[in-house]
Protein backbone atom coordinates (compact mmCIF):
# COMPACT_ATOMS: atom_id res chain seq x y z
CA MET A 1 6.47 185.65 135.65
CA THR A 2 3.88 187.64 133.67
CA GLU A 3 4.19 185.16 130.81
CA MET A 4 3.72 182.26 133.24
CA ARG A 5 0.60 183.91 134.69
CA THR A 6 -0.80 184.39 131.17
CA THR A 7 -0.22 180.72 130.46
CA ILE A 8 -2.10 179.68 133.60
CA VAL A 9 -5.01 182.03 132.85
CA ARG A 10 -5.23 180.62 129.30
CA LEU A 11 -5.35 177.08 130.58
CA LEU A 12 -7.86 177.90 133.31
CA SER A 13 -10.12 179.58 130.76
CA ASN A 14 -10.74 176.17 129.20
CA MET A 15 -11.98 174.75 132.47
CA ALA A 16 -15.35 174.57 134.12
CA SER A 17 -15.12 175.78 137.72
CA ALA A 18 -12.72 176.51 140.55
CA LYS A 19 -14.54 173.85 142.59
CA GLU A 20 -13.62 171.16 140.10
CA ILE A 21 -10.00 172.29 139.96
CA GLN A 22 -9.75 172.23 143.76
CA GLN A 23 -11.40 168.80 143.87
CA TYR A 24 -8.85 167.32 141.48
CA LEU A 25 -5.90 169.14 143.06
CA LYS A 26 -6.87 167.65 146.41
CA ARG A 27 -7.18 164.21 144.85
CA PHE A 28 -3.83 164.43 143.05
CA SER A 29 -1.99 165.91 146.05
CA GLN A 30 -3.03 162.93 148.16
CA VAL A 31 -1.10 160.65 145.79
CA ASP A 32 2.61 160.04 146.43
CA ALA A 33 4.52 162.58 144.28
CA ALA A 34 6.24 159.91 142.18
CA ARG A 35 2.91 158.26 141.43
CA PHE A 36 0.97 161.26 140.12
CA ALA A 37 1.32 160.74 136.37
CA VAL A 38 3.41 159.27 133.58
CA VAL A 39 3.02 161.30 130.38
CA LYS A 40 3.92 159.56 127.10
CA VAL A 41 4.81 162.06 124.35
CA GLY A 42 5.11 160.96 120.72
CA GLY A 43 7.78 162.35 118.43
CA ALA A 44 5.16 164.12 116.30
CA ILE A 45 4.06 166.12 119.37
CA LEU A 46 7.65 167.20 120.04
CA ARG A 47 7.93 168.26 116.42
CA ASP A 48 4.57 170.00 115.93
CA GLU A 49 3.17 171.01 119.35
CA LEU A 50 6.16 171.73 121.55
CA ASP A 51 4.86 175.11 122.79
CA ALA A 52 1.51 173.65 123.88
CA LEU A 53 3.27 170.76 125.61
CA VAL A 54 5.59 173.12 127.49
CA SER A 55 2.66 175.32 128.56
CA SER A 56 0.71 172.36 129.94
CA LEU A 57 3.68 170.87 131.80
CA SER A 58 4.49 174.34 133.14
CA PHE A 59 0.97 174.64 134.52
CA LEU A 60 1.24 171.30 136.35
CA GLN A 61 4.48 172.37 138.00
CA GLN A 62 2.93 175.72 138.98
CA VAL A 63 0.14 173.94 140.87
CA GLY A 64 2.66 171.70 142.65
CA LEU A 65 2.43 168.55 140.55
CA THR A 66 5.42 166.78 138.96
CA PRO A 67 4.60 164.48 136.04
CA ILE A 68 7.12 161.98 134.68
CA VAL A 69 7.57 162.45 130.93
CA ILE A 70 8.75 159.75 128.53
CA HIS A 71 9.03 160.49 124.82
CA GLY A 72 9.63 158.90 121.45
CA ALA A 73 11.09 160.41 118.30
CA GLY A 74 9.70 158.29 115.45
CA PRO A 75 9.18 160.93 112.73
CA GLN A 76 12.49 162.62 113.49
CA LEU A 77 14.25 159.28 113.30
CA ASP A 78 12.64 158.47 109.94
CA GLU A 79 13.87 161.79 108.61
CA GLU A 80 17.44 161.30 109.85
CA MET A 81 17.60 157.73 108.56
CA THR A 82 16.43 158.85 105.12
CA ALA A 83 19.00 161.64 105.10
CA ALA A 84 21.70 159.11 105.96
CA GLY A 85 20.55 156.83 103.14
CA ILE A 86 19.41 154.08 105.49
CA GLY A 87 16.18 152.36 104.43
CA LYS A 88 13.51 151.64 107.03
CA LYS A 89 13.18 147.94 107.76
CA VAL A 90 10.19 146.95 109.92
CA VAL A 91 9.77 143.47 111.43
CA ASP A 92 6.46 142.71 113.18
CA GLY A 93 5.85 146.44 113.61
CA LEU A 94 9.29 147.16 115.14
CA ARG A 95 12.15 149.04 113.51
CA PHE A 96 15.12 146.77 112.76
CA THR A 97 18.18 148.50 114.21
CA ASP A 98 21.77 147.73 113.21
CA SER A 99 24.90 149.41 114.60
CA GLU A 100 24.80 152.19 111.99
CA GLY A 101 21.11 152.84 112.71
CA LEU A 102 21.65 152.74 116.47
CA ALA A 103 24.11 155.62 116.29
CA ILE A 104 21.36 157.72 114.67
CA VAL A 105 18.70 156.46 117.12
CA ARG A 106 20.88 157.50 120.02
CA ARG A 107 21.74 160.90 118.58
CA VAL A 108 18.11 161.73 117.69
CA ALA A 109 16.73 160.52 121.04
CA GLN A 110 19.24 162.62 122.97
CA ARG A 111 18.69 165.66 120.75
CA GLU A 112 14.88 165.56 121.11
CA ASN A 113 15.18 164.96 124.85
CA LEU A 114 17.38 168.04 125.31
CA ARG A 115 15.12 170.05 123.00
CA LEU A 116 12.16 169.47 125.32
CA VAL A 117 14.19 170.01 128.49
CA GLU A 118 15.66 173.27 127.17
CA ALA A 119 12.21 174.50 126.07
CA LEU A 120 10.87 173.80 129.58
CA GLN A 121 13.81 175.49 131.28
CA ALA A 122 13.44 178.52 129.01
CA GLN A 123 9.95 178.97 130.49
CA GLY A 124 11.22 178.69 134.06
CA VAL A 125 10.19 175.05 134.45
CA ARG A 126 12.53 172.78 136.41
CA ALA A 127 13.25 169.73 134.24
CA THR A 128 15.89 166.97 134.25
CA SER A 129 17.20 165.18 131.15
CA ILE A 130 17.43 161.39 131.61
CA THR A 131 18.74 159.56 128.53
CA ALA A 132 20.26 156.50 130.18
CA GLY A 133 20.15 154.36 133.29
CA VAL A 134 16.39 153.74 133.49
CA PHE A 135 15.73 150.69 131.29
CA GLU A 136 17.85 147.59 131.81
CA CYS A 137 17.26 145.37 128.78
CA ASP A 138 17.97 142.09 127.09
CA TYR A 139 18.00 141.73 123.32
CA LEU A 140 14.45 141.18 122.09
CA ASP A 141 15.68 138.83 119.36
CA GLN A 142 18.99 139.94 117.91
CA ALA A 143 18.72 137.82 114.79
CA ARG A 144 15.31 139.29 113.85
CA PHE A 145 15.38 142.83 115.25
CA GLY A 146 19.04 143.69 115.69
CA LEU A 147 19.91 146.09 118.51
CA VAL A 148 16.38 146.32 119.91
CA GLY A 149 15.80 145.87 123.63
CA GLN A 150 13.13 144.30 125.78
CA VAL A 151 12.95 145.89 129.22
CA GLN A 152 13.81 143.55 132.09
CA ARG A 153 14.08 146.05 134.92
CA VAL A 154 13.29 149.71 135.56
CA ASP A 155 15.72 151.68 137.72
CA ASP A 156 13.87 154.72 139.05
CA ALA A 157 16.67 156.23 141.15
CA GLY A 158 17.25 159.13 138.74
CA ILE A 159 13.50 159.71 138.41
CA GLN A 160 13.02 159.82 142.18
CA ALA A 161 15.96 162.19 142.62
CA ALA A 162 14.43 164.63 140.12
CA ILE A 163 10.96 164.46 141.68
CA LYS A 164 12.40 164.99 145.15
CA VAL A 165 13.54 168.47 144.11
CA GLY A 166 10.37 169.22 142.11
CA SER A 167 12.01 168.75 138.71
CA ILE A 168 10.15 167.06 135.84
CA PRO A 169 12.08 163.96 134.68
CA VAL A 170 12.20 163.81 130.86
CA ILE A 171 13.12 160.26 129.82
CA ALA A 172 14.31 158.99 126.42
CA SER A 173 13.37 155.44 125.41
CA LEU A 174 16.89 154.07 125.24
CA GLY A 175 17.95 150.95 127.14
CA GLU A 176 21.17 149.19 128.04
CA THR A 177 22.16 145.61 128.69
CA THR A 178 23.93 144.72 131.93
CA GLY A 179 27.10 144.68 129.83
CA GLY A 180 26.59 148.30 128.77
CA GLN A 181 25.33 147.82 125.19
CA ILE A 182 22.91 150.61 124.23
CA LEU A 183 19.65 149.28 122.73
CA ASN A 184 16.73 150.89 120.91
CA VAL A 185 13.47 150.44 122.86
CA ASN A 186 10.02 151.01 121.38
CA ALA A 187 8.71 154.13 123.16
CA ASP A 188 5.25 152.66 123.81
CA TRP A 189 6.80 149.53 125.30
CA ALA A 190 9.16 151.62 127.42
CA ALA A 191 6.23 153.73 128.66
CA ASN A 192 4.25 150.61 129.56
CA ASP A 193 7.16 149.11 131.52
CA LEU A 194 7.71 152.43 133.30
CA VAL A 195 4.02 152.53 134.24
CA LYS A 196 4.06 148.96 135.56
CA ALA A 197 7.07 149.77 137.73
CA LEU A 198 5.81 153.10 139.10
CA GLN A 199 2.06 152.27 139.38
CA PRO A 200 0.97 155.88 138.71
CA TYR A 201 -2.46 157.35 139.39
CA LYS A 202 -2.65 158.75 135.85
CA ILE A 203 -1.22 157.53 132.55
CA ILE A 204 -1.45 160.16 129.84
CA PHE A 205 -0.88 159.60 126.12
CA LEU A 206 -0.55 162.86 124.19
CA THR A 207 -1.61 162.52 120.55
CA GLY A 208 -2.52 164.70 117.61
CA THR A 209 -6.05 163.22 117.40
CA GLY A 210 -6.79 164.18 121.01
CA GLY A 211 -8.35 160.83 121.93
CA LEU A 212 -9.69 157.53 120.61
CA LEU A 213 -12.12 158.01 117.73
CA ASP A 214 -15.42 156.20 117.17
CA GLY A 215 -16.92 155.10 113.84
CA ASP A 216 -17.96 158.67 113.00
CA GLY A 217 -14.51 160.09 113.71
CA ASP A 218 -15.64 161.68 116.99
CA VAL A 219 -13.59 161.44 120.19
CA ILE A 220 -14.92 158.85 122.66
CA ASP A 221 -15.12 160.74 125.96
CA SER A 222 -14.76 157.81 128.36
CA ILE A 223 -14.51 154.03 128.41
CA ASN A 224 -15.40 151.85 131.39
CA LEU A 225 -13.62 148.57 130.61
CA SER A 226 -15.68 146.53 133.10
CA THR A 227 -18.91 147.25 131.24
CA GLU A 228 -17.84 148.26 127.71
CA TYR A 229 -14.69 146.37 126.67
CA GLU A 230 -16.27 143.34 124.99
CA ASP A 231 -18.84 145.45 123.11
CA LEU A 232 -16.09 147.84 122.03
CA LEU A 233 -13.97 145.04 120.55
CA ALA A 234 -17.01 143.84 118.59
CA GLN A 235 -17.42 147.20 116.79
CA PRO A 236 -16.49 147.00 113.07
CA TRP A 237 -14.88 150.45 113.16
CA LEU A 238 -12.39 149.43 115.87
CA HIS A 239 -9.50 147.97 113.93
CA SER A 240 -5.80 148.29 113.15
CA GLY A 241 -3.80 150.57 115.45
CA MET A 242 -6.75 151.75 117.51
CA ARG A 243 -7.83 148.20 118.33
CA VAL A 244 -4.27 147.35 119.39
CA LYS A 245 -4.14 150.52 121.53
CA ILE A 246 -7.38 149.59 123.36
CA GLN A 247 -6.11 146.07 124.00
CA GLN A 248 -2.78 147.40 125.29
CA ILE A 249 -4.54 149.87 127.59
CA HIS A 250 -6.81 147.09 128.86
CA ASP A 251 -3.84 144.82 129.62
CA LEU A 252 -1.98 147.71 131.27
CA LEU A 253 -4.86 148.78 133.53
CA MET A 254 -5.46 145.18 134.62
CA GLN A 255 -1.97 145.28 136.18
CA LEU A 256 -2.48 148.59 137.99
CA PRO A 257 -4.50 149.68 141.05
CA LEU A 258 -8.23 150.21 140.47
CA SER A 259 -7.71 153.95 141.00
CA SER A 260 -5.36 154.25 138.00
CA SER A 261 -6.66 155.55 134.69
CA VAL A 262 -5.48 156.32 131.17
CA SER A 263 -6.15 159.66 129.48
CA ILE A 264 -5.58 160.22 125.77
CA THR A 265 -5.64 163.90 124.84
CA ARG A 266 -3.89 166.75 123.04
CA PRO A 267 -1.05 168.70 124.71
CA ASP A 268 -3.04 171.94 124.81
CA GLN A 269 -5.98 170.15 126.46
CA LEU A 270 -4.00 168.32 129.14
CA ALA A 271 -5.08 170.56 132.03
CA LYS A 272 -8.73 170.39 130.97
CA GLU A 273 -8.59 166.59 130.83
CA LEU A 274 -7.03 166.40 134.30
CA PHE A 275 -9.00 169.09 136.15
CA THR A 276 -12.59 169.02 134.85
CA HIS A 277 -15.39 166.46 135.00
CA ARG A 278 -16.16 166.87 131.30
CA GLY A 279 -12.49 166.53 130.39
CA SER A 280 -11.08 166.71 126.89
CA GLY A 281 -10.08 163.50 125.19
CA THR A 282 -10.67 159.87 126.10
CA LEU A 283 -10.56 158.65 129.71
CA VAL A 284 -10.17 154.88 130.13
CA ARG A 285 -10.64 153.12 133.47
CA ARG A 286 -11.01 149.54 134.61
CA GLY A 287 -14.23 150.78 136.15
CA GLU A 288 -16.78 148.82 138.13
CA GLN A 289 -19.39 146.26 137.25
CA VAL A 290 -22.91 147.66 137.37
CA ARG A 291 -25.53 145.27 138.69
CA LYS A 292 -29.30 145.37 138.34
CA VAL A 293 -31.64 144.55 141.22
CA THR A 294 -35.44 144.67 141.52
CA ARG A 295 -35.87 144.74 145.32
CA TRP A 296 -34.57 147.08 148.00
CA ASP A 297 -33.48 144.13 150.16
CA GLU A 298 -30.91 143.19 147.51
CA LEU A 299 -29.00 146.39 148.29
CA ASP A 300 -27.08 147.83 151.22
CA LEU A 301 -29.56 150.65 151.83
CA ALA A 302 -27.24 152.53 154.19
CA ARG A 303 -24.69 152.81 151.39
CA VAL A 304 -27.36 153.81 148.87
CA ARG A 305 -28.64 156.51 151.23
CA ALA A 306 -25.10 157.80 151.88
CA LEU A 307 -24.39 157.93 148.12
CA VAL A 308 -27.60 159.83 147.31
CA GLU A 309 -27.16 162.29 150.18
CA ARG A 310 -23.52 162.98 149.27
CA GLY A 311 -24.38 163.31 145.61
CA PHE A 312 -27.21 165.80 146.14
CA GLY A 313 -25.90 167.51 149.26
CA ARG A 314 -29.27 167.05 150.99
CA LYS A 315 -30.88 164.53 153.31
CA LEU A 316 -33.11 161.81 151.91
CA ALA A 317 -36.53 161.50 153.56
CA PRO A 318 -36.24 159.04 156.50
CA ASP A 319 -39.01 156.80 155.08
CA TYR A 320 -37.84 157.04 151.45
CA PHE A 321 -37.20 153.31 150.96
CA GLU A 322 -40.44 152.30 152.69
CA LYS A 323 -42.58 154.68 150.64
CA THR A 324 -40.85 154.34 147.25
CA PRO A 325 -41.83 151.15 145.37
CA LEU A 326 -38.74 150.05 143.42
CA LEU A 327 -39.08 148.86 139.83
CA LYS A 328 -35.33 148.32 139.39
CA ALA A 329 -32.02 149.82 140.43
CA PHE A 330 -28.61 149.89 138.75
CA VAL A 331 -25.77 150.19 141.25
CA SER A 332 -22.00 150.00 140.74
CA GLU A 333 -20.23 147.33 142.75
CA HIS A 334 -18.61 149.80 145.16
CA TYR A 335 -21.76 151.94 145.55
CA ARG A 336 -20.22 154.93 143.76
CA ALA A 337 -23.04 155.30 141.21
CA ALA A 338 -26.72 154.41 141.38
CA LEU A 339 -29.89 154.86 139.31
CA LEU A 340 -33.18 154.19 141.14
CA ILE A 341 -36.25 153.61 138.96
CA THR A 342 -39.92 153.43 139.94
CA ASP A 343 -42.98 152.30 137.97
CA GLU A 344 -45.56 155.06 137.48
CA ASP A 345 -48.69 153.63 135.83
CA GLY A 346 -46.60 151.36 133.60
CA LEU A 347 -43.96 153.98 132.70
CA PRO A 348 -40.42 153.72 134.17
CA HIS A 349 -39.47 156.85 136.08
CA LEU A 350 -35.91 157.71 137.09
CA ASP A 351 -36.29 158.85 140.67
CA LYS A 352 -32.62 159.25 141.66
CA PHE A 353 -29.33 159.29 139.76
CA ALA A 354 -26.33 159.78 142.06
CA VAL A 355 -22.57 159.62 141.46
CA SER A 356 -20.07 160.03 144.30
CA ASP A 357 -17.64 162.96 144.22
CA ASP A 358 -14.60 160.73 143.81
CA ALA A 359 -16.18 159.01 140.79
CA GLN A 360 -17.12 162.21 138.97
CA GLY A 361 -15.00 162.65 135.90
CA GLU A 362 -14.27 158.91 135.67
CA GLY A 363 -17.09 158.01 133.30
CA LEU A 364 -18.65 155.68 135.90
CA GLY A 365 -21.97 157.56 135.89
CA ARG A 366 -22.09 157.38 132.11
CA ALA A 367 -21.28 153.65 132.21
CA ALA A 368 -24.07 153.01 134.73
CA TRP A 369 -26.45 155.07 132.59
CA GLN A 370 -25.62 153.00 129.51
CA VAL A 371 -26.28 149.74 131.36
CA MET A 372 -29.60 151.17 132.55
CA ARG A 373 -30.56 152.47 129.11
CA ALA A 374 -29.86 149.12 127.41
CA ASP A 375 -32.37 147.57 129.85
CA THR A 376 -34.91 150.41 129.82
CA PRO A 377 -36.40 151.37 126.41
CA GLN A 378 -38.71 154.03 127.93
CA LEU A 379 -37.95 156.48 130.72
CA PHE A 380 -38.92 159.86 132.08
CA TRP A 381 -37.39 161.96 134.85
CA ARG A 382 -37.01 165.46 136.19
CA ALA A 383 -34.05 167.60 137.25
CA ARG A 384 -33.86 171.02 138.85
CA SER A 385 -33.35 173.76 136.27
CA GLY A 386 -29.88 174.57 137.63
CA ASN A 387 -28.67 170.97 137.81
CA PRO A 388 -25.12 170.80 136.32
CA VAL A 389 -25.97 167.37 134.82
CA ASN A 390 -28.65 168.87 132.57
CA ASP A 391 -26.29 169.06 129.57
CA PHE A 392 -25.88 165.29 129.78
CA TYR A 393 -29.65 164.83 130.14
CA PHE A 394 -30.33 166.99 127.06
CA ASP A 395 -28.00 164.74 125.06
CA GLU A 396 -29.71 161.57 126.31
CA ALA A 397 -33.36 162.67 126.08
CA ASP A 398 -35.74 162.59 123.10
CA GLY A 399 -37.46 165.65 124.54
CA CYS A 400 -37.55 168.11 127.43
CA LEU A 401 -40.03 170.57 128.87
CA LYS A 402 -38.17 173.35 130.66
CA GLY A 403 -39.66 174.99 133.75
CA GLU A 404 -38.60 177.53 136.34
CA GLN A 405 -38.07 174.89 139.01
CA TRP A 406 -37.97 171.59 137.11
CA ASN A 407 -36.94 170.37 133.68
CA VAL A 408 -38.83 167.23 132.63
CA PHE A 409 -36.96 164.81 130.33
CA TRP A 410 -37.99 161.65 128.50
CA TYR A 411 -36.97 159.15 125.88
CA GLY A 412 -38.87 156.33 124.15
CA LEU A 413 -42.33 157.65 125.09
CA GLU A 414 -45.10 157.02 122.56
CA GLY A 415 -47.44 159.86 121.72
CA TRP A 416 -48.63 162.98 123.52
CA ASP A 417 -50.65 161.11 126.15
CA GLN A 418 -47.53 159.48 127.62
CA ILE A 419 -45.55 162.72 127.42
CA ARG A 420 -48.38 164.67 129.08
CA TYR A 421 -48.59 162.07 131.84
CA ALA A 422 -44.81 162.25 132.41
CA VAL A 423 -44.84 166.04 132.64
CA ASP A 424 -47.87 166.19 134.95
CA HIS A 425 -46.42 163.49 137.19
CA CYS A 426 -43.02 165.20 137.51
CA LEU A 427 -44.50 168.60 138.26
CA ALA A 428 -46.80 167.18 140.94
CA ARG A 429 -44.37 164.67 142.50
CA PRO A 430 -43.37 165.67 146.05
CA ALA A 431 -39.66 166.20 146.78
CA THR A 432 -37.92 163.43 148.71
CA LEU A 433 -34.70 165.33 149.42
CA LYS A 434 -34.86 167.70 152.35
CA GLY A 435 -33.05 171.00 152.87
């Protein structure tokens, strides 16, 4: 028990605040237990980061959540095949599997499955080994691929039975035909079919890189497919396996509820990715379209007011919309993020930036900001000195003047006269949020 407590403390130490953890716990606990999360674990993670994986899964069970784990065993299989003197034959990216190879596939998959289950149980985690009975398959193309399966149906009875007693189902990517022939199933394909059948709230891919990488090799923190997908595919650095992964995630999310999302992270950062707004890794969502308007009457002002007041925890002045001349606004289609911009002597001023509680951590605010920024080459704004969003503002601004009450930010301003005007305006501007 002491060891378990140490594990939880270590994981919590990576996080931001108890408020965030409670917010996400509440959100996850409202989801049907079987639809919380499917976690796809690659063979390299089982080989190299088993302890971190066990710690993270242990934490989830301790806080009352039961993820569904599906794993591959690619590197281990390569090693066993080589040891058996069987050369690796790949057809269209899939391993050709004959009867001799299938015996090794089956043995390695079962061994790695039990290795994870036993490691979990050794730490007091309830876990159930499931190596058959989930994926009903047909031959993909026996002449080309051999004993490789294409999933036709997912039977979740064993998964549901495990979850019902709070045990983590650990599933190997082996399939069978209706006639009982065991087939090798690509682990990514198996995970995708499992996700489509279960419609989980979270889909988590655990990788050594800890996320999708941009052209500089840095982890992309979030992707809003509704606003970023086409631009992302046009990037010259997005190619090969990463391009395929983005396209697969896009196709997968298009078949899932809007609330579903994909996280790509490292095993030791799983709790941080799930329970903090900043996260750790890449969060991918279908997201929402962000539209631009130039008049208040193009918006549902009651929904805008409710969003701003929820976001700031204070009441907006009753005559705010009458007294605030709008230059332009950027609002997500479901009114979960909004940026309201005024014109102050020819300079765009960000008057309000609000993101609803249930959208925080999704990347929706960032997506709306990017749409706004692409349309707004100059901007200045202020934020209270204790505003938790200030770290984001520092990253986005060309400059900032810090004050006891207000920080003034700007980008794209030309010369000291414009900067001085922005600072003076922000410091003198009356507050429009009450309380």
